[in-house]
Amino acid sequence: MKSTSPLIPEWEAVDAVILAWPHDKTDWAPWLEETRETYLTVIEQINAASAGVILLCRADDVADVQARLAADARVLIIPAEYNDTWARDYAFLTRKVSENEEMKGQPVEFQFNGWGQKFNATSDNQVNQRYLARLCQLPLLTSKIVAEGGALEIDAQGRLMSTAQCLLNPKRNGDITLADYDAEFTRMLDCSSFTVFHQGHLEGDDTDGHVDTLVRFTPDHGLVIQAADNRPDDTHFEGLKALCEECTAAFPDHQQYCLPLPEMFNDDNERLPASYANFLICNNAVLLPVYGQPEDDAAIAVAEAAFPRHNVVPVNCATLVRQFGSLHCISMQVPTNTLTPSVLAQLKQGVTVYD
C-alpha cells in the first residue's frame, strides 16, 4: 500500500547532492578554471555536511576530475552528456512515499526547456531518464509540463511557493493558467496550498524570477527574503518591498528575515542577479553564497538568525553569478532513503565512477 506526502523540504536529511561538472562547452568556458575551483569548494563543503556528491561529468573529463578531488572525497561520478550545469532546474525533485509503513523518496521530474526556450536544453531534459533514475529505489514519476526546481519552494506543511512571472511565460507551457499549475503540482507533489508571488525580480535573471532567488522557507515558520532595504534608491527597491508585503499577506504568522542587496555588474555593465537567498540547506549546514561584497557580513548575520540550529557556511560565488546564477541553482539535494543501497555503499567508497 502506498500513500504520498509532499515534496520533501530542503532541510530534511539528505544522503547526497547532485552537481554537474563545468566543461568547455558550457556557459563557464570563459572562466572554466575559476568555476571548477568553486565547484571543488562546494563539493568539499557538501562532504563536510555529511552528504555525498553525485557528479554528472562528461566522459572526457572523468580522469581530470578524479585527479582534482581529494582522496577521501565522497563523490560518485556519473559519465553523462548535458548542456549546462544548472542541476536545480533539471535534476529530479523528491517526494515522500509511504510504502509498507516505510518512508521512501520518489524521484519526480518536470520538463525543462531552457527557461522558456532561451537556451538549448535537450540533453539536460534527458538527464533524469538517462542517468539519474536508475540510482533510485522507486521509479521516476514524470509530468508533461515545463517547470524548474528553482521555481518551487515548499515547507513541512506542504505549502508550495512560486512566482507568476516565471510560470506564466508562454514559452514554458503556452496559455496554461495558475489554476492549471495548482492542479498539476497538487497531483505531482501533493502540496497542501499554492502561493504565487507577483512582485519582485532581479535584473539579469534568465529564469524569469525563480522563487529560490527571492523567498525561501525556514524550518521555524520563517521566510528569508532577498530584499533591498539597504538600497532605497536602487531600481529593485520598490519591487522587493512589494514582495515583502505579499509575503506578509500570504504568511502573516511567519517571521521575515530580510537580506541586503549587493550591487554587482559584469564587464559589459550588466547588472548581475547576486542573491543571498540562493543558499543550499545540506543537513546541519546552510551553504550561503557570498560575493566579496560589503553586504556579505550582514547577509551571513541574517542567515544565522534565520537558521539558529544550522551552521552557516559562506561560499564565494562571485564566479557563479557571472553566468547569472548562484549556489542553489547548480545543486539538487537527494533526501535519505531515495538512493538504492548499492549507490549509497558506493558513495562511501571515496571517489568512484558509476557503471
Protein backbone atom coordinates (compact mmCIF):
# COMPACT_ATOMS: atom_id res chain seq x y z
CA MET A 1 0.00 0.00 0.00
CA LYS A 2 1.35 3.43 -0.96
CA SER A 3 0.40 6.91 0.14
CA THR A 4 2.17 10.12 -0.72
CA SER A 5 3.16 13.21 1.20
CA PRO A 6 4.52 16.40 -0.31
CA LEU A 7 7.73 17.32 -1.99
CA ILE A 8 10.37 16.98 0.72
CA PRO A 9 11.55 20.28 2.27
CA GLU A 10 15.22 21.01 1.73
CA TRP A 11 16.05 20.96 5.44
CA GLU A 12 15.20 17.29 5.84
CA ALA A 13 18.16 14.90 5.98
CA VAL A 14 19.95 14.20 2.69
CA ASP A 15 22.33 11.49 1.54
CA ALA A 16 23.71 13.35 -1.46
CA VAL A 17 23.65 16.48 -3.60
CA ILE A 18 23.62 16.36 -7.41
CA LEU A 19 26.05 18.62 -9.29
CA ALA A 20 27.15 18.79 -12.94
CA TRP A 21 30.86 19.42 -13.61
CA PRO A 22 31.60 22.52 -15.77
CA HIS A 23 33.20 21.74 -19.11
CA ASP A 24 34.34 23.79 -22.08
CA LYS A 25 31.02 23.52 -23.93
CA THR A 26 29.04 25.03 -21.05
CA ASP A 27 28.44 28.68 -20.20
CA TRP A 28 31.50 28.53 -17.98
CA ALA A 29 34.04 28.33 -20.81
CA PRO A 30 35.40 31.89 -20.32
CA TRP A 31 36.06 31.24 -16.61
CA LEU A 32 36.42 27.47 -16.62
CA GLU A 33 39.24 27.06 -14.10
CA GLU A 34 37.79 29.60 -11.67
CA THR A 35 34.41 27.91 -11.87
CA ARG A 36 35.88 24.46 -11.34
CA GLU A 37 37.67 25.71 -8.23
CA THR A 38 34.33 26.99 -6.93
CA TYR A 39 32.79 23.58 -7.59
CA LEU A 40 35.60 21.86 -5.71
CA THR A 41 34.89 24.12 -2.74
CA VAL A 42 31.17 23.31 -2.92
CA ILE A 43 31.94 19.58 -3.06
CA GLU A 44 34.20 19.90 -0.02
CA GLN A 45 31.51 21.71 1.96
CA ILE A 46 28.80 19.23 0.97
CA ASN A 47 31.01 16.40 2.18
CA ALA A 48 31.70 18.31 5.40
CA ALA A 49 27.92 18.47 5.91
CA SER A 50 27.76 14.64 5.88
CA ALA A 51 26.45 14.26 2.34
CA GLY A 52 27.96 12.67 -0.74
CA VAL A 53 28.05 14.22 -4.18
CA ILE A 54 26.57 12.69 -7.32
CA LEU A 55 28.61 14.39 -10.02
CA LEU A 56 27.46 14.39 -13.61
CA CYS A 57 30.61 14.59 -15.69
CA ARG A 58 31.44 14.50 -19.38
CA ALA A 59 33.27 11.24 -20.13
CA ASP A 60 36.34 13.08 -21.43
CA ASP A 61 36.68 14.92 -18.11
CA VAL A 62 36.41 11.97 -15.73
CA ALA A 63 40.14 11.35 -15.29
CA ASP A 64 40.82 15.06 -14.74
CA VAL A 65 38.05 15.31 -12.14
CA GLN A 66 39.41 12.27 -10.30
CA ALA A 67 42.84 13.92 -10.17
CA ARG A 68 41.41 17.16 -8.76
CA LEU A 69 39.36 15.61 -5.96
CA ALA A 70 40.74 14.82 -2.52
CA ALA A 71 41.40 11.15 -1.95
CA ASP A 72 38.77 10.97 0.81
CA ALA A 73 36.07 12.91 -1.08
CA ARG A 74 32.70 11.15 -1.21
CA VAL A 75 31.91 11.62 -4.90
CA LEU A 76 30.13 9.28 -7.30
CA ILE A 77 30.95 10.33 -10.86
CA ILE A 78 28.26 9.70 -13.48
CA PRO A 79 29.60 9.93 -17.07
CA ALA A 80 26.90 11.94 -18.83
CA GLU A 81 26.02 14.35 -21.61
CA TYR A 82 24.34 17.63 -20.59
CA ASN A 83 24.05 21.16 -21.97
CA ASP A 84 24.94 23.06 -18.84
CA THR A 85 25.34 22.77 -15.09
CA TRP A 86 22.15 24.28 -13.62
CA ALA A 87 21.15 21.00 -11.99
CA ARG A 88 18.49 22.62 -9.78
CA ASP A 89 16.31 23.08 -12.83
CA TYR A 90 16.57 19.67 -14.49
CA ALA A 91 17.62 17.10 -11.86
CA PHE A 92 14.76 15.25 -10.19
CA LEU A 93 12.82 16.57 -7.22
CA THR A 94 11.90 14.12 -4.45
CA ARG A 95 8.61 13.47 -2.73
CA LYS A 96 7.87 11.12 0.16
CA VAL A 97 6.09 7.85 -0.39
CA SER A 98 4.91 5.60 2.43
CA GLU A 99 5.42 2.05 1.26
CA ASN A 100 4.52 -0.74 3.69
CA GLU A 101 4.92 1.72 6.59
CA GLU A 102 8.40 2.73 5.41
CA MET A 103 9.04 6.24 4.13
CA LYS A 104 10.95 6.41 0.85
CA GLY A 105 11.86 9.17 -1.55
CA GLN A 106 10.40 9.02 -5.04
CA PRO A 107 12.07 10.98 -7.85
CA VAL A 108 9.79 13.41 -9.70
CA GLU A 109 10.60 15.28 -12.91
CA PHE A 110 9.02 18.04 -14.92
CA GLN A 111 10.13 19.09 -18.39
CA PHE A 112 12.97 21.57 -18.84
CA ASN A 113 13.16 23.74 -21.96
CA GLY A 114 15.91 26.22 -21.11
CA TRP A 115 13.74 28.64 -19.06
CA GLY A 116 11.23 29.22 -21.81
CA GLN A 117 13.31 28.25 -24.85
CA LYS A 118 16.07 30.77 -24.10
CA PHE A 119 18.81 28.14 -24.44
CA ASN A 120 19.18 24.64 -25.86
CA ALA A 121 18.38 22.19 -23.07
CA THR A 122 17.71 18.98 -24.99
CA SER A 123 20.39 16.96 -23.20
CA ASP A 124 19.60 18.49 -19.81
CA ASN A 125 15.99 17.40 -20.19
CA GLN A 126 17.10 13.77 -20.64
CA VAL A 127 19.44 13.57 -17.65
CA ASN A 128 16.92 12.01 -15.25
CA GLN A 129 15.78 9.24 -17.56
CA ARG A 130 19.25 8.55 -18.98
CA TYR A 131 21.34 8.65 -15.82
CA LEU A 132 19.72 9.52 -12.52
CA ALA A 133 16.52 7.46 -12.30
CA ARG A 134 18.47 4.20 -12.07
CA LEU A 135 20.16 5.41 -8.89
CA CYS A 136 16.84 5.49 -7.04
CA GLN A 137 14.80 2.86 -5.21
CA LEU A 138 11.46 3.96 -6.67
CA PRO A 139 10.56 4.66 -10.30
CA LEU A 140 10.75 8.15 -11.74
CA LEU A 141 7.43 9.99 -11.92
CA THR A 142 7.19 12.29 -14.95
CA SER A 143 4.99 15.32 -15.65
CA LYS A 144 4.44 16.67 -19.14
CA ILE A 145 4.51 20.32 -18.07
CA VAL A 146 7.60 22.54 -18.03
CA ALA A 147 8.71 23.56 -14.52
CA GLU A 148 12.11 24.06 -12.92
CA GLY A 149 13.21 23.08 -9.45
CA GLY A 150 14.35 26.62 -8.73
CA ALA A 151 10.79 27.82 -9.36
CA LEU A 152 9.38 25.75 -6.48
CA GLU A 153 9.82 26.06 -2.71
CA ILE A 154 7.92 24.01 -0.10
CA ASP A 155 7.75 23.69 3.67
CA ALA A 156 6.97 20.80 6.00
CA GLN A 157 3.24 21.59 5.87
CA GLY A 158 3.20 21.16 2.10
CA ARG A 159 2.81 24.87 1.34
CA LEU A 160 4.27 25.45 -2.11
CA MET A 161 5.54 28.82 -3.38
CA SER A 162 6.38 30.07 -6.87
CA THR A 163 6.25 33.25 -8.98
CA ALA A 164 3.81 34.39 -11.65
CA GLN A 165 6.46 35.87 -13.94
CA CYS A 166 8.14 32.51 -14.27
CA LEU A 167 5.10 30.27 -14.52
CA LEU A 168 3.17 32.46 -16.94
CA ASN A 169 5.94 32.82 -19.51
CA PRO A 170 4.03 31.45 -22.56
CA LYS A 171 7.17 29.76 -23.91
CA ARG A 172 7.07 27.35 -21.00
CA ASN A 173 3.53 25.96 -21.18
CA GLY A 174 1.55 28.12 -23.59
CA ASP A 175 -1.60 29.55 -22.07
CA ILE A 176 -1.71 27.29 -19.01
CA THR A 177 -3.25 29.10 -16.03
CA LEU A 178 -2.16 29.32 -12.42
CA ALA A 179 -5.15 27.12 -11.56
CA ASP A 180 -3.83 24.52 -14.02
CA TYR A 181 -0.43 24.67 -12.34
CA ASP A 182 -2.06 24.30 -8.94
CA ALA A 183 -3.83 21.14 -10.08
CA GLU A 184 -0.66 19.62 -11.56
CA PHE A 185 1.53 20.48 -8.59
CA THR A 186 -1.10 19.04 -6.27
CA ARG A 187 -1.12 15.83 -8.33
CA MET A 188 2.65 15.52 -8.65
CA LEU A 189 3.85 16.97 -5.37
CA ASP A 190 0.81 16.56 -3.11
CA CYS A 191 1.11 20.18 -1.95
CA SER A 192 -1.48 21.43 0.53
CA SER A 193 -1.56 25.02 -0.76
CA PHE A 194 -0.06 27.02 -3.61
CA THR A 195 1.09 30.63 -3.24
CA VAL A 196 2.19 32.62 -6.29
CA PHE A 197 4.06 35.90 -5.86
CA HIS A 198 3.61 38.65 -8.44
CA GLN A 199 6.22 41.13 -7.21
CA GLY A 200 9.99 41.14 -7.13
CA HIS A 201 12.57 40.34 -9.78
CA LEU A 202 16.35 40.62 -10.06
CA GLU A 203 17.84 42.24 -13.16
CA GLY A 204 19.85 39.79 -15.25
CA ASP A 205 17.84 36.78 -14.08
CA ASP A 206 17.31 34.46 -17.07
CA THR A 207 14.81 32.34 -15.11
CA ASP A 208 12.02 34.96 -15.08
CA GLY A 209 12.11 35.30 -11.32
CA HIS A 210 12.72 31.90 -9.76
CA VAL A 211 11.48 31.85 -6.20
CA ASP A 212 14.83 30.47 -4.97
CA THR A 213 16.39 33.87 -5.71
CA LEU A 214 13.65 35.73 -3.84
CA VAL A 215 11.89 33.89 -0.98
CA ARG A 216 12.84 30.77 0.99
CA PHE A 217 11.16 28.95 3.88
CA THR A 218 12.92 28.12 7.15
CA PRO A 219 12.06 25.15 9.41
CA ASP A 220 10.74 27.52 12.10
CA HIS A 221 7.93 29.25 10.20
CA GLY A 222 10.22 31.91 8.81
CA LEU A 223 10.76 33.46 5.40
CA VAL A 224 14.18 34.52 4.16
CA ILE A 225 13.61 37.27 1.60
CA GLN A 226 16.00 38.92 -0.82
CA ALA A 227 15.08 42.50 -0.02
CA ALA A 228 16.75 45.82 -0.82
CA ASP A 229 16.20 47.84 2.36
CA ASN A 230 19.88 48.78 2.31
CA ARG A 231 19.47 50.39 -1.13
CA PRO A 232 16.35 52.61 -1.12
CA ASP A 233 17.46 54.29 -4.36
CA ASP A 234 18.08 51.01 -6.19
CA THR A 235 15.83 50.08 -9.11
CA HIS A 236 14.96 46.87 -7.24
CA PHE A 237 13.78 48.59 -4.06
CA GLU A 238 10.07 49.07 -4.81
CA GLY A 239 9.55 45.63 -6.33
CA LEU A 240 11.28 43.82 -3.47
CA LYS A 241 9.42 45.93 -0.91
CA ALA A 242 6.17 44.90 -2.59
CA LEU A 243 7.33 41.28 -2.44
CA CYS A 244 7.82 41.58 1.32
CA GLU A 245 4.26 42.90 1.58
CA GLU A 246 2.97 39.96 -0.46
CA CYS A 247 4.81 37.62 1.91
CA THR A 248 3.15 39.29 4.90
CA ALA A 249 -0.28 38.86 3.33
CA ALA A 250 0.33 35.23 2.35
CA PHE A 251 2.11 34.13 5.54
CA PRO A 252 1.15 36.53 8.35
CA ASP A 253 2.42 34.18 11.06
CA HIS A 254 5.91 33.86 9.54
CA GLN A 255 8.86 35.92 10.72
CA GLN A 256 10.66 37.67 7.89
CA TYR A 257 14.44 37.71 7.61
CA CYS A 258 15.34 40.35 5.04
CA LEU A 259 18.65 40.04 3.23
CA PRO A 260 20.63 43.04 1.98
CA LEU A 261 21.05 43.50 -1.77
CA PRO A 262 24.54 43.69 -3.27
CA GLU A 263 25.26 45.67 -6.42
CA MET A 264 27.34 43.78 -8.98
CA PHE A 265 27.94 44.30 -12.69
CA ASN A 266 29.81 42.34 -15.33
CA ASP A 267 32.36 43.69 -17.80
CA ASP A 268 29.53 44.75 -20.12
CA ASN A 269 27.99 46.81 -17.30
CA GLU A 270 25.04 44.42 -17.00
CA ARG A 271 23.54 44.08 -13.51
CA LEU A 272 24.16 40.62 -12.08
CA PRO A 273 21.38 38.88 -10.08
CA ALA A 274 23.51 38.34 -6.97
CA SER A 275 21.05 36.87 -4.48
CA TYR A 276 21.92 35.78 -0.96
CA ALA A 277 18.63 33.84 -0.91
CA ASN A 278 20.13 31.30 -3.32
CA PHE A 279 21.53 29.17 -0.49
CA LEU A 280 21.61 25.37 -0.17
CA ILE A 281 20.47 23.65 3.03
CA CYS A 282 22.50 20.47 3.47
CA ASN A 283 21.84 18.54 6.69
CA ASN A 284 23.15 20.70 9.55
CA ALA A 285 24.65 23.32 7.24
CA VAL A 286 23.40 26.27 5.20
CA LEU A 287 25.82 26.88 2.35
CA LEU A 288 25.37 30.61 1.80
CA PRO A 289 26.54 32.31 -1.40
CA VAL A 290 28.65 35.40 -0.81
CA TYR A 291 30.17 37.62 -3.45
CA GLY A 292 33.09 39.53 -1.97
CA GLN A 293 30.75 42.49 -1.44
CA PRO A 294 30.29 44.88 1.51
CA GLU A 295 26.90 43.27 2.22
CA ASP A 296 28.35 39.77 2.78
CA ASP A 297 28.71 40.08 6.56
CA ALA A 298 25.18 41.37 7.01
CA ALA A 299 23.83 38.53 4.85
CA ILE A 300 25.68 35.99 6.99
CA ALA A 301 24.15 37.50 10.12
CA VAL A 302 20.64 37.30 8.64
CA ALA A 303 21.15 33.66 7.68
CA GLU A 304 22.44 32.81 11.16
CA ALA A 305 19.34 34.40 12.70
CA ALA A 306 17.03 32.55 10.31
CA PHE A 307 18.73 29.17 10.85
CA PRO A 308 19.84 29.12 14.51
CA ARG A 309 20.28 25.34 14.57
CA HIS A 310 22.38 25.22 11.39
CA ASN A 311 25.98 26.04 10.69
CA VAL A 312 26.06 28.88 8.14
CA VAL A 313 28.97 28.30 5.75
CA PRO A 314 29.82 31.19 3.40
CA VAL A 315 30.86 30.08 -0.10
CA ASN A 316 32.31 32.62 -2.52
CA CYS A 317 30.06 32.52 -5.58
CA ALA A 318 31.33 35.63 -7.36
CA THR A 319 32.32 33.45 -10.31
CA LEU A 320 28.94 31.69 -10.49
CA VAL A 321 26.97 34.91 -10.67
CA ARG A 322 28.89 35.89 -13.81
CA GLN A 323 26.54 33.48 -15.56
CA PHE A 324 23.52 34.93 -13.75
CA GLY A 325 23.04 32.12 -11.20
CA SER A 326 24.40 31.02 -7.87
CA LEU A 327 24.85 28.14 -5.42
CA HIS A 328 21.32 26.79 -5.16
CA CYS A 329 20.97 26.91 -8.94
CA ILE A 330 23.85 24.47 -9.51
CA SER A 331 22.72 21.90 -6.92
CA MET A 332 19.90 19.46 -6.17
CA GLN A 333 19.61 17.61 -2.88
CA VAL A 334 18.71 13.91 -2.62
CA PRO A 335 16.90 13.08 0.64
CA THR A 336 17.66 9.99 2.67
CA ASN A 337 16.09 6.67 1.64
CA THR A 338 15.86 7.70 -2.02
CA LEU A 339 19.01 6.12 -3.47
CA THR A 340 19.49 2.37 -3.77
CA PRO A 341 21.64 0.60 -1.13
CA SER A 342 24.32 -0.14 -3.72
CA VAL A 343 24.60 3.54 -4.69
CA LEU A 344 24.83 4.55 -1.03
CA ALA A 345 27.54 1.97 -0.48
CA GLN A 346 29.50 3.25 -3.47
CA LEU A 347 29.19 6.85 -2.22
CA LYS A 348 31.04 5.80 0.94
CA GLN A 349 33.98 4.38 -1.01
CA GLY A 350 35.60 7.70 -1.91
CA VAL A 351 35.84 8.93 -5.50
CA THR A 352 34.36 6.30 -7.82
CA VAL A 353 32.80 6.09 -11.27
CA TYR A 354 29.32 4.63 -11.66
CA ASP A 355 28.92 1.97 -14.33
